[in-house]
C-alpha atoms as a PDB file:
ATOM      1  CA  MET A   1      -0.083  -0.096  -0.212  1.00  0.00           C
ATOM      2  CA  LYS A   2       3.001   2.374   0.570  1.00  0.00           C
ATOM      3  CA  SER A   3       4.323   1.587  -2.138  1.00  0.00           C
ATOM      4  CA  PHE A   4       1.163   2.141  -4.248  1.00  0.00           C
ATOM      5  CA  ILE A   5       0.376   5.665  -2.554  1.00  0.00           C
ATOM      6  CA  LYS A   6       4.157   7.137  -3.172  1.00  0.00           C
ATOM      7  CA  GLN A   7       4.074   5.647  -6.789  1.00  0.00           C
ATOM      8  CA  ARG A   8       0.206   7.592  -7.203  1.00  0.00           C
ATOM      9  CA  LEU A   9       2.221  10.781  -5.677  1.00  0.00           C
ATOM     10  CA  ARG A  10       4.959  10.850  -7.621  1.00  0.00           C
ATOM     11  CA  GLU A  11       2.598  10.654 -11.162  1.00  0.00           C
ATOM     12  CA  GLN A  12       0.533  13.184  -9.742  1.00  0.00           C
ATOM     13  CA  MET A  13       3.573  15.582  -9.312  1.00  0.00           C
ATOM     14  CA  ILE A  14       5.118  14.544 -12.616  1.00  0.00           C
ATOM     15  CA  ASP A  15       1.841  15.426 -14.294  1.00  0.00           C
ATOM     16  CA  GLY A  16       0.328  18.099 -12.047  1.00  0.00           C
ATOM     17  CA  GLN A  17      -3.006  16.998 -12.763  1.00  0.00           C
ATOM     18  CA  ASP A  18      -5.520  13.651 -12.554  1.00  0.00           C
ATOM     19  CA  MET A  19      -5.502  13.156 -16.147  1.00  0.00           C
ATOM     20  CA  ASN A  20      -7.830  10.704 -18.497  1.00  0.00           C
ATOM     21  CA  SER A  21      -5.542   8.191 -20.883  1.00  0.00           C
ATOM     22  CA  GLY A  22      -6.668  10.012 -24.080  1.00  0.00           C
ATOM     23  CA  THR A  23      -5.500  13.496 -21.920  1.00  0.00           C
ATOM     24  CA  GLN A  24      -2.206  11.891 -20.994  1.00  0.00           C
ATOM     25  CA  THR A  25      -1.522  11.069 -24.497  1.00  0.00           C
ATOM     26  CA  LEU A  26      -2.194  14.569 -25.759  1.00  0.00           C
ATOM     27  CA  CYS A  27      -0.234  15.699 -23.648  1.00  0.00           C
ATOM     28  CA  ASN A  28       3.083  13.549 -24.079  1.00  0.00           C
ATOM     29  CA  LYS A  29       2.206  13.508 -27.916  1.00  0.00           C
ATOM     30  CA  MET A  30       5.294  15.623 -29.398  1.00  0.00           C
ATOM     31  CA  THR A  31       4.463  16.277 -33.354  1.00  0.00           C
ATOM     32  CA  VAL A  32       1.345  15.290 -35.377  1.00  0.00           C
ATOM     33  CA  ASN A  33       1.151  15.029 -39.096  1.00  0.00           C
ATOM     34  CA  SER A  34      -2.054  16.048 -39.970  1.00  0.00           C
ATOM     35  CA  TYR A  35      -5.708  18.115 -38.975  1.00  0.00           C
ATOM     36  CA  GLU A  36      -7.289  14.327 -38.815  1.00  0.00           C
ATOM     37  CA  GLU A  37      -4.726  13.184 -36.293  1.00  0.00           C
ATOM     38  CA  VAL A  38      -5.361  16.526 -34.067  1.00  0.00           C
ATOM     39  CA  LEU A  39      -8.940  16.030 -34.181  1.00  0.00           C
ATOM     40  CA  TYR A  40      -8.725  12.557 -33.110  1.00  0.00           C
ATOM     41  CA  HIS A  41      -6.346  12.825 -29.882  1.00  0.00           C
ATOM     42  CA  VAL A  42      -8.719  16.015 -28.875  1.00  0.00           C
ATOM     43  CA  GLU A  43     -11.748  13.902 -29.357  1.00  0.00           C
ATOM     44  CA  GLU A  44     -10.301  10.881 -26.956  1.00  0.00           C
ATOM     45  CA  ALA A  45      -8.953  13.522 -24.312  1.00  0.00           C
ATOM     46  CA  LEU A  46     -12.264  15.256 -24.162  1.00  0.00           C
ATOM     47  CA  LYS A  47     -14.102  12.119 -23.188  1.00  0.00           C
ATOM     48  CA  GLY A  48     -12.858  12.782 -19.843  1.00  0.00           C
ATOM     49  CA  PHE A  49     -14.561  16.202 -19.303  1.00  0.00           C
ATOM     50  CA  THR A  50     -17.946  17.330 -18.400  1.00  0.00           C
ATOM     51  CA  PRO A  51     -20.133  18.826 -21.529  1.00  0.00           C
ATOM     52  CA  GLN A  52     -19.647  22.159 -20.079  1.00  0.00           C
ATOM     53  CA  LYS A  53     -15.788  21.917 -19.808  1.00  0.00           C
ATOM     54  CA  ARG A  54     -15.937  20.419 -23.224  1.00  0.00           C
ATOM     55  CA  TYR A  55     -17.718  22.962 -24.991  1.00  0.00           C
ATOM     56  CA  GLU A  56     -15.426  25.735 -23.034  1.00  0.00           C
ATOM     57  CA  ILE A  57     -12.154  23.869 -24.780  1.00  0.00           C
ATOM     58  CA  MET A  58     -13.158  23.456 -27.913  1.00  0.00           C
ATOM     59  CA  GLN A  59     -14.387  27.389 -27.458  1.00  0.00           C
ATOM     60  CA  LYS A  60     -10.589  28.124 -27.090  1.00  0.00           C
ATOM     61  CA  ILE A  61      -8.982  25.702 -29.583  1.00  0.00           C
ATOM     62  CA  HIS A  62     -11.442  26.268 -32.018  1.00  0.00           C
ATOM     63  CA  VAL A  63      -9.197  28.721 -33.956  1.00  0.00           C
ATOM     64  CA  PRO A  64      -5.944  27.044 -33.843  1.00  0.00           C
ATOM     65  CA  LEU A  65      -7.821  23.613 -34.905  1.00  0.00           C
ATOM     66  CA  GLU A  66      -9.695  25.884 -38.137  1.00  0.00           C
ATOM     67  CA  ASN A  67      -6.213  27.187 -38.710  1.00  0.00           C
ATOM     68  CA  LEU A  68      -4.658  24.148 -39.047  1.00  0.00           C
ATOM     69  CA  ARG A  69      -7.443  22.696 -40.973  1.00  0.00           C
ATOM     70  CA  ASN A  70      -7.043  25.426 -43.417  1.00  0.00           C
ATOM     71  CA  GLU A  71      -3.299  24.956 -43.626  1.00  0.00           C
ATOM     72  CA  GLN A  72      -3.890  21.523 -44.252  1.00  0.00           C
ATOM     73  CA  ALA A  73      -5.959  22.517 -47.088  1.00  0.00           C
ATOM     74  CA  LYS A  74      -3.399  25.155 -48.971  1.00  0.00           C
ATOM     75  CA  ILE A  75      -0.823  22.989 -48.900  1.00  0.00           C
ATOM     76  CA  THR A  76      -2.608  19.840 -50.420  1.00  0.00           C
ATOM     77  CA  ASP A  77      -3.557  22.448 -52.542  1.00  0.00           C
ATOM     78  CA  GLU A  78      -0.559  23.679 -53.377  1.00  0.00           C
ATOM     79  CA  VAL A  79       0.945  19.985 -53.807  1.00  0.00           C
ATOM     80  CA  ARG A  80      -1.946  19.423 -56.064  1.00  0.00           C
ATOM     81  CA  THR A  81      -1.790  22.514 -58.439  1.00  0.00           C
ATOM     82  CA  THR A  82       1.853  22.767 -58.220  1.00  0.00           C
ATOM     83  CA  HIS A  83       3.667  19.764 -57.349  1.00  0.00           C
ATOM     84  CA  MET A  84       5.516  21.597 -54.230  1.00  0.00           C
ATOM     85  CA  SER A  85       5.094  23.526 -51.487  1.00  0.00           C
ATOM     86  CA  GLY A  86       7.064  25.547 -49.469  1.00  0.00           C
ATOM     87  CA  ASP A  87       5.665  24.761 -45.887  1.00  0.00           C
ATOM     88  CA  SER A  88       5.322  21.060 -44.923  1.00  0.00           C
ATOM     89  CA  MET A  89       2.082  19.772 -42.964  1.00  0.00           C
ATOM     90  CA  PRO A  90       4.382  18.494 -39.948  1.00  0.00           C
ATOM     91  CA  ASP A  91       5.909  21.969 -39.750  1.00  0.00           C
ATOM     92  CA  GLU A  92       2.601  23.483 -39.846  1.00  0.00           C
ATOM     93  CA  ALA A  93       0.749  21.008 -37.693  1.00  0.00           C
ATOM     94  CA  ASN A  94       3.117  21.298 -34.646  1.00  0.00           C
ATOM     95  CA  THR A  95       2.517  25.258 -34.556  1.00  0.00           C
ATOM     96  CA  TYR A  96      -1.130  24.877 -34.133  1.00  0.00           C
ATOM     97  CA  TRP A  97      -0.630  21.270 -32.126  1.00  0.00           C
ATOM     98  CA  HIS A  98       1.040  23.076 -28.645  1.00  0.00           C
ATOM     99  CA  GLN A  99      -1.564  26.020 -28.429  1.00  0.00           C
ATOM    100  CA  ILE A 100      -4.232  23.177 -28.662  1.00  0.00           C
ATOM    101  CA  GLN A 101      -2.034  20.888 -26.476  1.00  0.00           C
ATOM    102  CA  SER A 102      -1.251  23.462 -23.951  1.00  0.00           C
ATOM    103  CA  THR A 103      -4.857  24.729 -23.979  1.00  0.00           C
ATOM    104  CA  ILE A 104      -6.355  21.010 -22.942  1.00  0.00           C
ATOM    105  CA  CYS A 105      -3.141  19.536 -20.695  1.00  0.00           C
ATOM    106  CA  GLU A 106      -3.611  22.812 -18.132  1.00  0.00           C
ATOM    107  CA  GLN A 107      -7.545  22.040 -17.990  1.00  0.00           C
ATOM    108  CA  GLY A 108      -7.617  19.234 -15.132  1.00  0.00           C
ATOM    109  CA  PRO A 109      -7.412  19.867 -11.666  1.00  0.00           C
ATOM    110  CA  ASP A 110      -4.133  20.104  -9.901  1.00  0.00           C
ATOM    111  CA  PHE A 111      -2.944  17.792  -7.218  1.00  0.00           C
ATOM    112  CA  GLU A 112      -6.111  15.713  -6.616  1.00  0.00           C
END
């Protein structure tokens, strides 16, 4: 029992939050490759929140999600029309990913 409590306290100190597995995956994911991948991780992370909290979080991350979707469409269109692009989707995705990630990862209650 003593080791269980120590491990539990250590995990909470490292994470700073009590997170579900979807949120932990989202918070630990360093890079993403597409809008669809980001959307999947966001949906998985939001399963652990109440409907009201999900709504609040979606209001905060709506703009970066929309920007990411538009960037992916722009890059895809450039590649389709000119067969090349000056940007890469992983680079652009990571720009918006970190905004989304930090917003969601900071939502959990601290040190439950």
